Amino acid sequence: MNSLCHQVRRSAFSLALFQPTLRQTPNLFQQGWVFSDCSASSTRAVSSSSSIATPSSVPPSSPIPAPHTHLAQAEAAAAAGAANIDISHELLERLKDPSLLHTAGYVDGQWLGARSGLTYLVLNPANGKTLATMPLMRADETRAAIAAAHSVFPQWRAKTAKERCVVLRRWHDLIVQHSEDIAVIMTMECGKPLAEARAEVAGGISSVEWFAEEGRRITGDIFETVSRDKRMITIKQPVGVVGAITPWNFPMSMITRKVSPALAAGCTVVLKPSELTPLTAIALAELADRAGIPAGVFNVVMGDAPAIGGVDGVFVPRPCTGRARRPVDQRSRRCFKEETFGPLIPLFKFETEAEAITLANTTEYGLASYFYTRDLARAWRVAEELEYGMVGVNEVAITSEVAPFGGMKQSGLGREHSKYGLSEFLDIKYVCMGLGYTPPQ
């Protein structure tokens, strides 16, 4: 569950990318996203002008097709004249407030479909049945979202930190009120047990609450002067429009821990959730609208990932690894270097502390590491030597909104949560004021 935060400054559009296991690649998603055997779900694309039965024939074990195939599937379905499926009754009947969901993107305060009219199916990974038909958005819709975010940025930036944080607090309160519905949506589109979905919702709520408060504490500095006729200060200002790209495995918490600090800092946001789990993001956008977050400040697009990402250049996700049922000896040779996304517990022998540290550090990734010891000196020694952004000593439940989340090496740029979580969305401006200037007479 590596998390990466990277901002690419391109005029008014700064892109913050957060995805499991990423690598730097030019041209963003031009090569397409490739997911292999990461979940027991699949996604197909259909036209919004056709009629199709619920695809119960799709087996739960079907691998996830590469999302960049959505476009070809949608165009083929449109040519064949297949039909639109809105939102499944099974899902709607389980919600106390079905109006949380829309089969549309959210751009400039409006719920919009794809200009092409193409759509794709979001499936329940537990049974392969269709949950919703979502718009296959492309570059045009993304540019419109960026333009809306850019247009409203001066007004949002000009609000005081207190004003912005009051709005975030209203968003927080609405999420709390609808937390059970969000958990149900997450379980049905992501596949995680309801208890885990509820825990993730609670964590996401904590992120919004934290940054609704932390945004008031953005401060600059006054430096001791080197000259009597000079004063030196720094101020912090929002970077601009932020793009957030989030994965399928944590469809709420990966959103709130990016969007909340960005909004608190005075940035505007364009969010692209995973094509596999867009409904949680839609529910959050609906609640943001109800909370009074101004039109254009928070936008959501989904669909054709290569086209959406091609608007600007950032990082592209690496393929997930294969199925966990491969022979253990094959997996054990790879699990030090790759995420398994499967129920695998590898065991490795080592003779010395130094050897164990070397084994742990021999990977290009470095998000989180954990070890157990009763030796206080060893605890400090090993914690300092491990090349990971987070280290759990005699503890595995280490994430919290008050602590920094992020990795080293290929597992991260920047930090989420804690007092450091706002830094990714703020520029530091240095101002030197000369006091001895005399204007010409």
Protein backbone atom coordinates (compact mmCIF):
# COMPACT_ATOMS: atom_id res chain seq x y z
CA MET A 1 0.00 0.00 0.00
CA ASN A 2 2.75 2.30 -0.91
CA SER A 3 1.72 5.90 -1.10
CA LEU A 4 3.42 8.52 -3.16
CA CYS A 5 2.88 12.24 -3.13
CA HIS A 6 4.44 14.14 -5.96
CA GLN A 7 3.56 17.50 -7.37
CA VAL A 8 4.39 18.51 -10.88
CA ARG A 9 4.10 22.24 -11.38
CA ARG A 10 2.71 23.00 -14.85
CA SER A 11 1.55 26.62 -14.88
CA ALA A 12 -1.72 26.61 -12.95
CA PHE A 13 -2.02 22.82 -12.63
CA SER A 14 -0.08 21.08 -9.87
CA LEU A 15 -0.62 17.33 -9.81
CA ALA A 16 -0.41 15.37 -6.57
CA LEU A 17 -0.30 11.65 -7.28
CA PHE A 18 -0.97 8.93 -4.75
CA GLN A 19 -0.96 5.33 -5.92
CA PRO A 20 0.22 1.96 -4.62
CA THR A 21 3.64 1.05 -5.99
CA LEU A 22 4.56 3.74 -8.46
CA ARG A 23 7.41 4.40 -10.81
CA GLN A 24 8.42 7.50 -12.67
CA THR A 25 7.53 7.29 -16.33
CA PRO A 26 7.25 10.05 -18.94
CA ASN A 27 3.95 10.95 -20.60
CA LEU A 28 1.86 10.01 -17.57
CA PHE A 29 -0.65 7.33 -18.52
CA GLN A 30 0.22 7.15 -22.22
CA GLN A 31 1.30 3.56 -21.63
CA GLY A 32 -1.94 2.83 -19.77
CA TRP A 33 -2.61 1.41 -16.35
CA VAL A 34 -2.02 -2.30 -15.96
CA PHE A 35 -3.62 -4.16 -13.05
CA SER A 36 -3.16 -7.93 -12.91
CA ASP A 37 -4.98 -10.25 -10.54
CA CYS A 38 -5.25 -7.59 -7.84
CA SER A 39 -8.90 -8.19 -7.01
CA ALA A 40 -11.74 -10.50 -7.80
CA SER A 41 -13.53 -7.97 -9.97
CA SER A 42 -13.63 -6.88 -13.55
CA THR A 43 -14.84 -3.79 -15.35
CA ARG A 44 -16.45 -3.54 -18.77
CA ALA A 45 -17.44 -0.51 -20.79
CA VAL A 46 -20.81 0.08 -22.45
CA SER A 47 -22.57 2.84 -24.31
CA SER A 48 -24.99 5.12 -22.48
CA SER A 49 -27.56 4.63 -25.23
CA SER A 50 -28.10 0.87 -25.00
CA SER A 51 -29.70 -1.89 -22.89
CA ILE A 52 -27.75 -4.70 -21.29
CA ALA A 53 -28.62 -7.30 -18.68
CA THR A 54 -26.70 -7.55 -15.42
CA PRO A 55 -23.57 -9.51 -16.33
CA SER A 56 -24.07 -12.33 -13.83
CA SER A 57 -22.05 -14.51 -16.15
CA VAL A 58 -18.90 -12.65 -15.15
CA PRO A 59 -17.23 -15.00 -12.64
CA PRO A 60 -15.98 -13.51 -9.37
CA SER A 61 -12.50 -14.81 -10.18
CA SER A 62 -12.28 -12.78 -13.37
CA PRO A 63 -9.07 -10.74 -13.49
CA ILE A 64 -9.29 -6.99 -13.71
CA PRO A 65 -8.77 -5.90 -17.31
CA ALA A 66 -6.36 -3.08 -17.89
CA PRO A 67 -8.40 0.12 -17.44
CA HIS A 68 -6.95 1.52 -20.64
CA THR A 69 -9.13 -1.05 -22.47
CA HIS A 70 -12.29 0.75 -21.31
CA LEU A 71 -12.22 2.98 -24.37
CA ALA A 72 -12.11 0.15 -26.90
CA GLN A 73 -14.79 -1.79 -25.01
CA ALA A 74 -17.06 1.26 -24.78
CA GLU A 75 -16.72 2.03 -28.47
CA ALA A 76 -17.41 -1.61 -29.37
CA ALA A 77 -20.48 -1.68 -27.12
CA ALA A 78 -21.76 1.57 -28.63
CA ALA A 79 -21.39 0.15 -32.14
CA ALA A 80 -23.26 -3.00 -31.06
CA GLY A 81 -26.07 -0.94 -29.50
CA ALA A 82 -25.86 -2.17 -25.91
CA ALA A 83 -27.82 -0.35 -23.07
CA ASN A 84 -27.21 1.79 -20.05
CA ILE A 85 -27.50 0.41 -16.52
CA ASP A 86 -27.81 3.19 -13.97
CA ILE A 87 -27.27 2.16 -10.32
CA SER A 88 -28.20 -1.33 -9.14
CA HIS A 89 -31.28 -1.70 -6.96
CA GLU A 90 -29.27 -4.00 -4.70
CA LEU A 91 -26.98 -1.10 -3.82
CA LEU A 92 -29.65 1.59 -3.59
CA GLU A 93 -31.85 -0.51 -1.30
CA ARG A 94 -29.02 -0.78 1.21
CA LEU A 95 -28.53 2.98 1.49
CA LYS A 96 -30.36 5.25 3.88
CA ASP A 97 -29.70 8.14 1.48
CA PRO A 98 -29.56 6.89 -2.14
CA SER A 99 -29.14 10.48 -3.35
CA LEU A 100 -25.47 10.23 -2.36
CA LEU A 101 -24.82 8.48 -5.67
CA HIS A 102 -24.72 9.86 -9.21
CA THR A 103 -23.75 8.18 -12.45
CA ALA A 104 -21.76 11.25 -13.47
CA GLY A 105 -18.60 13.16 -12.85
CA TYR A 106 -18.58 16.37 -10.80
CA VAL A 107 -17.20 19.42 -12.62
CA ASP A 108 -17.65 23.05 -11.62
CA GLY A 109 -20.51 22.18 -9.29
CA GLN A 110 -22.41 20.20 -11.97
CA TRP A 111 -23.01 16.47 -12.40
CA LEU A 112 -21.89 15.72 -15.95
CA GLY A 113 -21.57 12.68 -18.18
CA ALA A 114 -18.88 12.08 -20.78
CA ARG A 115 -19.15 14.29 -23.84
CA SER A 116 -18.76 11.20 -26.01
CA GLY A 117 -21.73 9.53 -24.32
CA LEU A 118 -19.58 6.48 -23.58
CA THR A 119 -19.81 4.71 -20.23
CA TYR A 120 -18.26 1.76 -18.43
CA LEU A 121 -19.51 -0.69 -15.78
CA VAL A 122 -18.47 -0.76 -12.16
CA LEU A 123 -18.83 -4.31 -10.84
CA ASN A 124 -19.29 -5.85 -7.43
CA PRO A 125 -16.10 -7.92 -6.95
CA ALA A 126 -17.98 -10.41 -4.74
CA ASN A 127 -20.31 -11.62 -7.47
CA GLY A 128 -19.42 -9.85 -10.72
CA LYS A 129 -22.77 -8.07 -10.91
CA THR A 130 -23.08 -4.51 -12.15
CA LEU A 131 -23.24 -1.81 -9.49
CA ALA A 132 -23.34 1.27 -11.71
CA THR A 133 -22.69 2.65 -15.16
CA MET A 134 -20.22 5.53 -15.02
CA PRO A 135 -19.12 8.04 -17.68
CA LEU A 136 -15.96 7.25 -19.60
CA MET A 137 -14.48 10.73 -19.25
CA ARG A 138 -11.47 11.84 -21.28
CA ALA A 139 -9.14 14.78 -21.75
CA ASP A 140 -11.90 17.27 -22.63
CA GLU A 141 -13.73 16.73 -19.35
CA THR A 142 -10.44 16.87 -17.45
CA ARG A 143 -9.48 20.15 -19.07
CA ALA A 144 -12.90 21.52 -18.15
CA ALA A 145 -12.36 20.46 -14.54
CA ILE A 146 -8.91 22.05 -14.44
CA ALA A 147 -10.28 25.23 -15.97
CA ALA A 148 -13.05 25.38 -13.37
CA ALA A 149 -10.57 24.79 -10.55
CA HIS A 150 -8.21 27.41 -11.97
CA SER A 151 -11.01 29.95 -12.35
CA VAL A 152 -12.19 29.71 -8.75
CA PHE A 153 -8.71 29.36 -7.23
CA PRO A 154 -8.20 33.12 -6.58
CA GLN A 155 -11.48 33.30 -4.63
CA TRP A 156 -10.78 30.17 -2.60
CA ARG A 157 -7.20 31.23 -1.89
CA ALA A 158 -8.41 34.66 -0.75
CA LYS A 159 -10.61 33.21 1.99
CA THR A 160 -9.14 33.22 5.45
CA ALA A 161 -7.92 29.94 6.86
CA LYS A 162 -10.80 30.05 9.33
CA GLU A 163 -13.37 30.47 6.55
CA ARG A 164 -11.98 27.52 4.60
CA CYS A 165 -11.78 25.35 7.67
CA VAL A 166 -15.36 26.10 8.69
CA VAL A 167 -16.48 24.68 5.33
CA LEU A 168 -14.24 21.63 5.79
CA ARG A 169 -15.76 21.08 9.21
CA ARG A 170 -19.24 21.03 7.67
CA TRP A 171 -18.00 18.46 5.17
CA HIS A 172 -16.63 16.42 8.06
CA ASP A 173 -19.93 16.54 9.93
CA LEU A 174 -21.88 15.39 6.87
CA ILE A 175 -19.49 12.49 6.30
CA VAL A 176 -20.00 11.45 9.92
CA GLN A 177 -23.78 11.55 9.43
CA HIS A 178 -23.54 9.36 6.31
CA SER A 179 -20.67 7.15 7.44
CA GLU A 180 -22.66 3.89 7.34
CA ASP A 181 -23.85 4.52 3.78
CA ILE A 182 -20.30 5.29 2.68
CA ALA A 183 -19.08 2.06 4.27
CA VAL A 184 -21.76 0.07 2.43
CA ILE A 185 -20.83 1.71 -0.89
CA MET A 186 -17.17 0.97 -0.28
CA THR A 187 -17.79 -2.68 0.58
CA MET A 188 -19.87 -3.27 -2.52
CA GLU A 189 -17.50 -1.63 -4.98
CA CYS A 190 -14.17 -2.50 -3.32
CA GLY A 191 -14.89 -5.89 -1.82
CA LYS A 192 -13.46 -5.32 1.66
CA PRO A 193 -15.48 -6.59 4.65
CA LEU A 194 -17.95 -4.11 6.11
CA ALA A 195 -16.01 -3.89 9.38
CA GLU A 196 -12.88 -2.86 7.48
CA ALA A 197 -14.88 -0.38 5.40
CA ARG A 198 -16.24 1.20 8.57
CA ALA A 199 -12.71 1.46 9.95
CA GLU A 200 -11.53 3.15 6.78
CA VAL A 201 -14.41 5.61 6.89
CA ALA A 202 -13.47 6.45 10.48
CA GLY A 203 -9.89 7.06 9.39
CA GLY A 204 -11.02 9.25 6.50
CA ILE A 205 -13.20 11.25 8.85
CA SER A 206 -10.21 11.81 11.12
CA SER A 207 -8.21 13.17 8.17
CA VAL A 208 -10.87 15.75 7.33
CA GLU A 209 -11.21 16.78 10.98
CA TRP A 210 -7.46 17.07 11.44
CA PHE A 211 -6.89 19.33 8.45
CA ALA A 212 -10.01 21.37 9.18
CA GLU A 213 -8.16 22.31 12.36
CA GLU A 214 -4.56 22.24 11.12
CA GLY A 215 -5.34 24.65 8.28
CA ARG A 216 -5.68 27.44 10.83
CA ARG A 217 -2.08 26.92 11.92
CA ILE A 218 -0.34 27.74 8.64
CA THR A 219 2.31 30.26 9.60
CA GLY A 220 5.43 31.91 8.19
CA ASP A 221 8.58 33.07 9.96
CA ILE A 222 10.44 36.26 10.83
CA PHE A 223 14.22 35.85 10.70
CA GLU A 224 16.84 37.65 12.72
CA THR A 225 18.10 40.38 10.45
CA VAL A 226 21.69 40.60 9.23
CA SER A 227 21.37 44.34 8.76
CA ARG A 228 19.53 47.10 10.59
CA ASP A 229 17.97 48.38 7.39
CA LYS A 230 16.48 44.99 6.38
CA ARG A 231 13.72 42.71 7.61
CA MET A 232 13.41 39.12 6.37
CA ILE A 233 10.23 37.07 6.52
CA THR A 234 8.64 34.04 4.87
CA ILE A 235 4.99 33.47 4.08
CA LYS A 236 3.24 30.31 2.88
CA GLN A 237 0.85 30.32 -0.07
CA PRO A 238 -1.19 27.59 -1.82
CA VAL A 239 0.48 26.02 -4.86
CA GLY A 240 -2.59 26.28 -7.11
CA VAL A 241 -4.78 23.60 -8.68
CA VAL A 242 -4.00 20.13 -7.35
CA GLY A 243 -4.77 16.86 -9.13
CA ALA A 244 -5.24 13.79 -6.91
CA ILE A 245 -5.16 10.27 -8.38
CA THR A 246 -6.20 7.58 -5.92
CA PRO A 247 -6.19 3.75 -5.94
CA TRP A 248 -8.93 1.17 -5.54
CA ASN A 249 -7.78 -0.47 -2.31
CA PHE A 250 -8.56 2.50 -0.01
CA PRO A 251 -11.25 4.37 -1.94
CA MET A 252 -12.02 6.89 0.85
CA SER A 253 -8.96 7.40 3.02
CA MET A 254 -6.69 7.90 0.01
CA ILE A 255 -9.01 10.72 -1.04
CA THR A 256 -9.54 12.51 2.26
CA ARG A 257 -5.88 12.55 3.20
CA LYS A 258 -5.08 14.37 -0.09
CA VAL A 259 -8.13 16.52 -0.71
CA SER A 260 -8.51 17.76 2.87
CA PRO A 261 -5.04 19.32 3.23
CA ALA A 262 -5.18 20.72 -0.29
CA LEU A 263 -8.46 22.50 0.41
CA ALA A 264 -7.32 23.64 3.85
CA ALA A 265 -4.17 25.14 2.32
CA GLY A 266 -6.24 27.16 -0.17
CA CYS A 267 -5.75 24.94 -3.23
CA THR A 268 -8.49 23.74 -5.54
CA VAL A 269 -8.68 20.07 -6.55
CA VAL A 270 -9.34 17.78 -9.51
CA LEU A 271 -9.75 14.20 -8.27
CA LYS A 272 -9.52 11.07 -10.41
CA PRO A 273 -10.51 8.01 -8.37
CA SER A 274 -9.83 4.49 -9.57
CA GLU A 275 -12.13 3.34 -12.36
CA LEU A 276 -12.85 0.29 -10.19
CA THR A 277 -14.11 2.28 -7.18
CA PRO A 278 -15.53 5.66 -8.21
CA LEU A 279 -18.74 5.53 -6.18
CA THR A 280 -17.15 6.35 -2.83
CA ALA A 281 -15.60 9.42 -4.43
CA ILE A 282 -18.97 10.45 -5.86
CA ALA A 283 -20.59 10.19 -2.42
CA LEU A 284 -17.85 12.38 -0.95
CA ALA A 285 -18.33 14.93 -3.74
CA GLU A 286 -22.08 15.02 -3.10
CA LEU A 287 -21.45 15.74 0.57
CA ALA A 288 -18.86 18.38 -0.32
CA ASP A 289 -21.52 20.09 -2.41
CA ARG A 290 -24.00 19.95 0.47
CA ALA A 291 -21.34 21.34 2.81
CA GLY A 292 -21.05 24.47 0.69
CA ILE A 293 -17.65 23.89 -0.90
CA PRO A 294 -17.90 26.34 -3.83
CA ALA A 295 -18.38 25.11 -7.39
CA GLY A 296 -15.06 24.36 -9.05
CA VAL A 297 -13.11 24.02 -5.80
CA PHE A 298 -13.53 20.22 -5.75
CA ASN A 299 -14.00 18.30 -9.04
CA VAL A 300 -14.19 14.58 -9.84
CA VAL A 301 -13.46 12.93 -13.19
CA MET A 302 -13.18 9.23 -14.01
CA GLY A 303 -12.99 6.85 -16.94
CA ASP A 304 -10.33 6.79 -19.65
CA ALA A 305 -7.17 6.93 -17.53
CA PRO A 306 -4.65 7.41 -20.38
CA ALA A 307 -6.64 10.32 -21.79
CA ILE A 308 -7.24 11.90 -18.38
CA GLY A 309 -3.63 11.53 -17.34
CA GLY A 310 -2.35 12.66 -20.72
CA VAL A 311 -3.42 16.21 -19.88
CA ASP A 312 -0.19 16.51 -17.86
CA GLY A 313 2.89 14.42 -17.07
CA VAL A 314 3.27 12.63 -13.75
CA PHE A 315 3.95 9.14 -12.40
CA VAL A 316 2.32 5.94 -13.67
CA PRO A 317 1.42 2.91 -11.52
CA ARG A 318 3.43 -0.25 -11.81
CA PRO A 319 1.60 -3.50 -12.56
CA CYS A 320 0.46 -5.43 -9.51
CA THR A 321 2.10 -8.78 -8.93
CA GLY A 322 0.54 -12.13 -9.76
CA ARG A 323 -1.81 -14.32 -7.76
CA ALA A 324 -0.86 -15.39 -4.27
CA ARG A 325 -1.49 -19.07 -5.02
CA ARG A 326 1.74 -19.35 -6.98
CA PRO A 327 4.27 -21.69 -5.35
CA VAL A 328 5.69 -20.24 -2.16
CA ASP A 329 9.29 -20.67 -3.28
CA GLN A 330 8.62 -18.51 -6.36
CA ARG A 331 6.84 -15.83 -4.32
CA SER A 332 9.47 -15.75 -1.60
CA ARG A 333 12.11 -14.75 -4.09
CA ARG A 334 10.00 -11.77 -5.17
CA CYS A 335 8.16 -10.58 -2.08
CA PHE A 336 11.12 -8.56 -0.81
CA LYS A 337 10.87 -6.45 -3.95
CA GLU A 338 7.16 -6.47 -4.84
CA GLU A 339 3.78 -6.10 -3.21
CA THR A 340 1.95 -9.42 -3.22
CA PHE A 341 -1.65 -8.19 -2.72
CA GLY A 342 -2.36 -11.66 -1.44
CA PRO A 343 -2.52 -13.77 1.74
CA LEU A 344 1.18 -14.56 1.88
CA ILE A 345 3.35 -14.67 5.02
CA PRO A 346 6.99 -15.19 3.93
CA LEU A 347 9.65 -16.44 6.35
CA PHE A 348 13.35 -15.75 5.90
CA LYS A 349 16.32 -16.93 7.90
CA PHE A 350 19.03 -14.59 9.11
CA GLU A 351 21.96 -15.01 11.46
CA THR A 352 22.72 -11.48 12.62
CA GLU A 353 21.01 -8.15 13.16
CA ALA A 354 23.10 -6.61 10.40
CA GLU A 355 22.03 -9.32 7.97
CA ALA A 356 18.37 -8.77 8.80
CA ILE A 357 18.72 -5.03 8.19
CA THR A 358 20.49 -5.66 4.87
CA LEU A 359 17.72 -8.03 3.73
CA ALA A 360 15.04 -5.51 4.68
CA ASN A 361 16.79 -2.64 2.90
CA THR A 362 17.53 -4.55 -0.31
CA THR A 363 14.51 -3.20 -2.18
CA GLU A 364 13.73 -0.10 -4.18
CA TYR A 365 10.71 0.53 -1.94
CA GLY A 366 10.59 1.91 1.56
CA LEU A 367 7.12 2.75 2.83
CA ALA A 368 6.74 0.92 6.16
CA SER A 369 8.67 -1.67 8.17
CA TYR A 370 8.04 -3.45 11.46
CA PHE A 371 10.08 -5.45 13.95
CA TYR A 372 9.82 -6.77 17.50
CA THR A 373 12.41 -6.69 20.25
CA ARG A 374 12.71 -6.34 24.03
CA ASP A 375 16.17 -4.81 23.71
CA LEU A 376 15.90 -1.01 23.96
CA ALA A 377 19.30 -0.41 22.38
CA ARG A 378 18.43 -2.71 19.47
CA ALA A 379 15.10 -0.93 19.02
CA TRP A 380 16.85 2.40 18.45
CA ARG A 381 19.63 0.87 16.36
CA VAL A 382 17.41 -1.01 13.95
CA ALA A 383 14.82 1.77 13.68
CA GLU A 384 17.53 4.21 12.63
CA GLU A 385 19.08 1.81 10.09
CA LEU A 386 15.90 0.70 8.32
CA GLU A 387 15.46 2.65 5.08
CA TYR A 388 11.72 3.16 5.44
CA GLY A 389 9.60 6.22 5.97
CA MET A 390 7.71 4.56 8.81
CA VAL A 391 8.91 2.02 11.36
CA GLY A 392 6.75 0.11 13.81
CA VAL A 393 8.58 -1.19 16.88
CA ASN A 394 6.51 -3.83 18.68
CA GLU A 395 3.46 -2.37 16.93
CA VAL A 396 1.81 -2.69 13.50
CA ALA A 397 -1.11 -0.23 13.86
CA ILE A 398 1.09 2.78 13.27
CA THR A 399 -0.95 5.07 11.00
CA SER A 400 -2.75 8.07 12.46
CA GLU A 401 -3.83 11.50 11.28
CA VAL A 402 -1.44 13.06 13.81
CA ALA A 403 1.63 11.19 12.50
CA PRO A 404 3.37 11.62 9.13
CA PHE A 405 2.60 8.97 6.50
CA GLY A 406 5.06 8.48 3.66
CA GLY A 407 7.99 6.49 2.38
CA MET A 408 11.56 6.66 1.15
CA LYS A 409 13.21 5.65 -2.13
CA GLN A 410 10.54 4.68 -4.70
CA SER A 411 7.82 4.68 -2.07
CA GLY A 412 7.39 8.34 -1.59
CA LEU A 413 7.91 12.01 -2.03
CA GLY A 414 6.51 14.13 0.75
CA ARG A 415 4.31 13.21 3.69
CA GLU A 416 0.61 12.96 4.41
CA HIS A 417 -1.13 13.68 7.71
CA SER A 418 0.44 15.34 10.76
CA LYS A 419 1.76 18.89 10.84
CA TYR A 420 3.83 18.03 7.74
CA GLY A 421 0.81 17.08 5.62
CA LEU A 422 0.10 20.64 4.50
CA SER A 423 3.65 21.23 3.24
CA GLU A 424 3.02 19.48 -0.09
CA PHE A 425 0.36 22.05 -0.96
CA LEU A 426 2.17 25.22 0.09
CA ASP A 427 4.89 27.32 -1.49
CA ILE A 428 7.26 29.19 0.82
CA LYS A 429 7.86 32.76 -0.27
CA TYR A 430 10.76 34.75 1.13
CA VAL A 431 10.34 38.53 1.43
CA CYS A 432 13.23 40.89 2.20
CA MET A 433 12.15 44.41 3.13
CA GLY A 434 14.64 47.24 2.85
CA LEU A 435 14.00 49.97 5.41
CA GLY A 436 16.53 52.50 4.18
CA TYR A 437 15.02 53.19 0.76
CA THR A 438 14.46 56.84 -0.06
CA PRO A 439 12.36 57.56 -3.13
CA PRO A 440 13.82 60.03 -5.62
CA GLN A 441 12.64 63.62 -5.15
